[in-house]
């Protein structure tokens, strides 16, 4: 997110990029102690930094899982701390209509080419769902998602535990989160997103909140939304 942050700063805005628990310099990677700990961390973060900027307006920008997390926060009391939300290609939940499945036409890759972004431990997820349903959470620290990242970069998180996965996304009823948003929000997604179906975002948000606009940037893939200079410029314009 640092390229994005630097561009926003160059536009004359103050930017904070929190290094979230389970990522970057926060160890252990890929886990939290309980579902909701990231929410508590953000509440603490806001309580510490907002007094230094009296009278400022606060925007929360989130990309991919971070976009889903921003939606989660917008539906909680801590969401009142922000004046506006910008979600970039947000992850909703694994079975949301926006998720590109194996049956969907691929974008930005050759037809039939296997997905290489992530690998999900489906059997483990099903087992953990069943255990959680009966109140057993002892195994929630097990890794369920593995990411295609370089193995020799110590700051990169290569897997998420079950409880981090559940925390770093909207609540299970993500539709209720959308309905609960009480501050302005907008969604931007790349038209060539490899993970999500860009045309499905507008129906999902429009069905719950017709006042949340969805913009499709036609020439951009998933990671382009925070790395391509033209996409970054679109985000900066949205914030200004």
Protein backbone atom coordinates (compact mmCIF):
# COMPACT_ATOMS: atom_id res chain seq x y z
CA UNK A 1 0.00 0.00 0.00
CA UNK A 2 3.00 2.33 0.25
CA UNK A 3 2.95 3.39 -3.40
CA UNK A 4 -0.69 4.34 -2.96
CA UNK A 5 0.05 6.15 0.30
CA UNK A 6 2.89 8.17 -1.20
CA UNK A 7 0.67 9.28 -4.09
CA UNK A 8 -2.06 10.37 -1.67
CA UNK A 9 0.51 12.24 0.39
CA UNK A 10 1.83 13.95 -2.75
CA UNK A 11 -1.71 15.21 -3.35
CA UNK A 12 -1.51 17.11 -0.07
CA UNK A 13 -3.34 14.68 2.22
CA UNK A 14 -2.09 13.15 5.45
CA UNK A 15 -1.87 9.35 5.29
CA UNK A 16 -1.47 6.60 7.86
CA UNK A 17 -0.79 3.01 6.78
CA UNK A 18 -1.31 0.72 9.79
CA UNK A 19 0.79 -2.44 9.86
CA UNK A 20 -1.96 -4.85 10.82
CA UNK A 21 -1.54 -7.65 13.34
CA UNK A 22 -0.36 -10.84 11.64
CA UNK A 23 1.40 -8.90 8.87
CA UNK A 24 4.69 -7.09 8.25
CA UNK A 25 6.71 -6.56 11.42
CA UNK A 26 3.98 -8.05 13.61
CA UNK A 27 4.77 -11.63 14.54
CA UNK A 28 3.61 -14.32 14.49
CA UNK A 29 2.42 -13.87 10.92
CA UNK A 30 -0.96 -15.00 9.68
CA UNK A 31 -2.85 -15.20 12.96
CA UNK A 32 -4.72 -13.25 15.63
CA UNK A 33 -5.62 -14.25 19.18
CA UNK A 34 -9.37 -13.99 18.63
CA UNK A 35 -11.89 -12.97 15.98
CA UNK A 36 -12.41 -9.24 16.42
CA UNK A 37 -8.88 -8.45 17.59
CA UNK A 38 -8.17 -6.49 14.40
CA UNK A 39 -11.31 -4.44 15.08
CA UNK A 40 -10.05 -3.67 18.59
CA UNK A 41 -6.62 -2.76 17.19
CA UNK A 42 -8.18 -0.27 14.77
CA UNK A 43 -10.26 1.27 17.53
CA UNK A 44 -7.07 1.74 19.60
CA UNK A 45 -5.24 3.13 16.57
CA UNK A 46 -7.94 5.72 15.89
CA UNK A 47 -8.15 6.72 19.55
CA UNK A 48 -4.40 7.44 19.56
CA UNK A 49 -4.00 9.34 16.28
CA UNK A 50 -7.22 11.34 15.87
CA UNK A 51 -6.47 13.86 18.65
CA UNK A 52 -3.38 14.93 16.67
CA UNK A 53 -5.59 16.07 13.78
CA UNK A 54 -8.39 18.13 15.28
CA UNK A 55 -11.10 19.03 12.78
CA UNK A 56 -9.76 16.73 10.04
CA UNK A 57 -11.98 14.55 7.89
CA UNK A 58 -11.10 10.86 7.93
CA UNK A 59 -11.29 8.48 4.98
CA UNK A 60 -10.64 4.74 5.28
CA UNK A 61 -9.25 3.10 2.14
CA UNK A 62 -9.05 -0.69 1.94
CA UNK A 63 -7.89 -3.02 -0.83
CA UNK A 64 -9.00 -6.65 -1.36
CA UNK A 65 -9.23 -8.26 2.09
CA UNK A 66 -8.53 -4.82 3.49
CA UNK A 67 -11.57 -3.55 1.58
CA UNK A 68 -13.70 -6.23 3.18
CA UNK A 69 -12.26 -5.31 6.56
CA UNK A 70 -13.10 -1.65 5.95
CA UNK A 71 -16.70 -2.69 5.22
CA UNK A 72 -16.70 -4.67 8.46
CA UNK A 73 -15.54 -1.63 10.42
CA UNK A 74 -18.10 0.62 8.71
CA UNK A 75 -20.85 -1.56 10.20
CA UNK A 76 -19.42 -1.34 13.74
CA UNK A 77 -19.36 1.52 16.28
CA UNK A 78 -15.74 2.28 15.35
CA UNK A 79 -17.03 3.06 11.87
CA UNK A 80 -18.40 6.34 13.17
CA UNK A 81 -14.80 7.52 13.51
CA UNK A 82 -14.54 7.86 9.71
CA UNK A 83 -16.26 10.30 7.38
CA UNK A 84 -15.97 8.24 4.19
CA UNK A 85 -14.98 4.79 2.93
CA UNK A 86 -13.29 3.80 -0.33
CA UNK A 87 -13.26 0.06 -1.05
CA UNK A 88 -10.88 -1.16 -3.75
CA UNK A 89 -11.80 -4.57 -5.20
CA UNK A 90 -13.08 -5.65 -1.78
CA UNK A 91 -13.25 -9.29 -0.69
CA UNK A 92 -16.70 -9.95 0.74
CA UNK A 93 -16.96 -13.64 1.67
CA UNK A 94 -15.78 -16.78 -0.09
CA UNK A 95 -19.23 -17.60 -1.50
CA UNK A 96 -20.28 -14.06 -2.43
CA UNK A 97 -21.60 -13.50 -5.98
CA UNK A 98 -18.55 -11.32 -6.62
CA UNK A 99 -16.05 -14.18 -6.25
CA UNK A 100 -14.72 -15.63 -9.49
CA UNK A 101 -15.20 -19.40 -9.42
CA UNK A 102 -13.47 -22.10 -11.45
CA UNK A 103 -16.48 -22.10 -13.79
CA UNK A 104 -16.31 -18.37 -14.48
CA UNK A 105 -14.58 -17.04 -17.56
CA UNK A 106 -11.01 -16.18 -16.55
CA UNK A 107 -9.80 -12.58 -16.72
CA UNK A 108 -6.27 -11.57 -17.53
CA UNK A 109 -5.09 -15.16 -18.01
CA UNK A 110 -5.32 -17.93 -20.55
CA UNK A 111 -8.52 -19.99 -20.46
CA UNK A 112 -7.90 -23.15 -18.47
CA UNK A 113 -4.84 -21.74 -16.71
CA UNK A 114 -4.96 -22.72 -13.00
CA UNK A 115 -5.36 -19.97 -10.43
CA UNK A 116 -2.10 -19.22 -8.64
CA UNK A 117 -3.06 -16.43 -6.25
CA UNK A 118 -4.14 -18.55 -3.30
CA UNK A 119 -4.68 -22.13 -2.20
CA UNK A 120 -7.50 -22.89 0.22
CA UNK A 121 -7.53 -25.90 2.53
CA UNK A 122 -11.19 -26.66 1.78
CA UNK A 123 -11.42 -29.80 3.89
CA UNK A 124 -9.91 -28.05 6.88
CA UNK A 125 -12.28 -25.07 6.45
CA UNK A 126 -15.30 -27.38 6.39
CA UNK A 127 -14.07 -29.16 9.51
CA UNK A 128 -13.45 -25.90 11.35
CA UNK A 129 -16.88 -24.60 10.38
CA UNK A 130 -18.42 -27.73 11.89
CA UNK A 131 -16.36 -27.39 15.09
CA UNK A 132 -17.20 -23.71 15.44
CA UNK A 133 -20.89 -24.53 15.07
CA UNK A 134 -20.70 -26.65 18.24
CA UNK A 135 -18.57 -24.13 20.12
CA UNK A 136 -15.13 -25.71 19.64
CA UNK A 137 -12.55 -23.04 18.73
CA UNK A 138 -9.34 -24.74 19.85
CA UNK A 139 -8.15 -25.33 16.28
CA UNK A 140 -8.99 -21.84 14.93
CA UNK A 141 -5.29 -21.03 14.70
CA UNK A 142 -4.72 -23.57 11.93
CA UNK A 143 -3.77 -22.14 8.52
CA UNK A 144 -6.54 -22.37 5.93
CA UNK A 145 -5.37 -20.03 3.13
CA UNK A 146 -1.90 -20.01 1.57
CA UNK A 147 -0.69 -17.23 -0.71
CA UNK A 148 1.60 -17.29 -3.74
CA UNK A 149 4.30 -15.01 -2.34
CA UNK A 150 8.11 -15.14 -2.40
CA UNK A 151 9.44 -17.43 0.35
CA UNK A 152 12.45 -15.23 1.18
CA UNK A 153 10.72 -11.96 2.14
CA UNK A 154 10.44 -11.89 5.95
CA UNK A 155 7.80 -9.12 6.00
CA UNK A 156 5.35 -11.04 3.77
CA UNK A 157 2.54 -13.14 5.25
CA UNK A 158 2.25 -16.43 3.40
CA UNK A 159 -0.84 -17.89 5.10
CA UNK A 160 -3.93 -16.93 7.13
CA UNK A 161 -5.34 -18.86 10.03
CA UNK A 162 -9.05 -19.59 10.24
CA UNK A 163 -9.63 -16.85 12.81
CA UNK A 164 -7.58 -14.27 10.89
CA UNK A 165 -9.49 -15.10 7.71
CA UNK A 166 -12.81 -14.58 9.50
CA UNK A 167 -11.60 -11.32 11.07
CA UNK A 168 -10.03 -9.80 7.96
CA UNK A 169 -13.28 -9.64 6.00
CA UNK A 170 -16.88 -8.47 6.56
CA UNK A 171 -19.07 -10.23 9.09
CA UNK A 172 -20.67 -13.47 7.94
CA UNK A 173 -23.80 -11.58 6.87
CA UNK A 174 -21.95 -9.12 4.64
CA UNK A 175 -25.25 -7.86 3.23
CA UNK A 176 -26.16 -6.65 6.72
CA UNK A 177 -22.80 -4.84 6.89
CA UNK A 178 -23.62 -3.02 3.65
CA UNK A 179 -27.04 -2.01 4.98
CA UNK A 180 -25.48 -0.79 8.24
CA UNK A 181 -23.09 1.67 6.56
CA UNK A 182 -23.97 5.15 7.80
CA UNK A 183 -21.23 7.20 6.14
CA UNK A 184 -20.53 7.82 2.43
CA UNK A 185 -18.92 4.87 0.68
CA UNK A 186 -17.77 4.10 -2.85
CA UNK A 187 -16.39 0.98 -4.51
CA UNK A 188 -13.78 0.75 -7.28
CA UNK A 189 -12.89 -2.53 -9.00
CA UNK A 190 -10.74 -3.41 -11.98
CA UNK A 191 -12.55 -4.61 -15.09
CA UNK A 192 -9.93 -7.35 -15.58
CA UNK A 193 -9.84 -8.51 -11.96
CA UNK A 194 -8.51 -12.08 -11.78
CA UNK A 195 -10.15 -12.89 -8.43
CA UNK A 196 -13.55 -11.22 -8.59
CA UNK A 197 -16.34 -10.66 -11.08
CA UNK A 198 -16.41 -6.86 -11.48
CA UNK A 199 -19.92 -6.80 -12.98
CA UNK A 200 -21.36 -8.45 -9.85
CA UNK A 201 -20.38 -5.71 -7.41
CA UNK A 202 -23.02 -3.21 -8.48
CA UNK A 203 -25.96 -5.66 -8.09
CA UNK A 204 -24.71 -6.67 -4.62
CA UNK A 205 -24.33 -3.13 -3.32
CA UNK A 206 -27.31 -1.72 -5.21
CA UNK A 207 -29.61 -4.38 -3.72
CA UNK A 208 -28.75 -3.14 -0.24
CA UNK A 209 -27.71 0.49 -0.64
CA UNK A 210 -28.45 2.35 -3.84
CA UNK A 211 -26.42 5.29 -2.55
CA UNK A 212 -23.10 3.37 -2.69
CA UNK A 213 -21.68 3.87 -6.21
CA UNK A 214 -19.61 1.15 -7.88
CA UNK A 215 -17.08 2.15 -10.53
CA UNK A 216 -15.39 -0.37 -12.84
CA UNK A 217 -11.95 0.66 -14.09
CA UNK A 218 -11.96 -1.32 -17.36
CA UNK A 219 -8.25 -1.89 -18.00
CA UNK A 220 -7.02 -2.97 -14.57
CA UNK A 221 -6.47 -6.34 -12.91
CA UNK A 222 -6.62 -7.04 -9.19
CA UNK A 223 -3.21 -5.87 -7.97
CA UNK A 224 -3.25 -3.05 -10.55
CA UNK A 225 -5.65 -1.18 -8.28
CA UNK A 226 -2.80 -0.33 -5.90
CA UNK A 227 0.22 -0.55 -8.23
CA UNK A 228 -0.77 0.92 -11.61
CA UNK A 229 -0.17 4.69 -11.63
CA UNK A 230 -3.41 5.36 -13.54
CA UNK A 231 -5.45 3.37 -11.04
CA UNK A 232 -3.72 5.08 -8.13
CA UNK A 233 -4.51 8.43 -9.72
CA UNK A 234 -8.20 7.45 -9.90
CA UNK A 235 -8.16 6.69 -6.16
CA UNK A 236 -6.46 9.99 -5.39
CA UNK A 237 -9.10 11.84 -7.40
CA UNK A 238 -11.83 10.02 -5.49
CA UNK A 239 -10.31 11.09 -2.19
CA UNK A 240 -9.92 14.71 -3.28
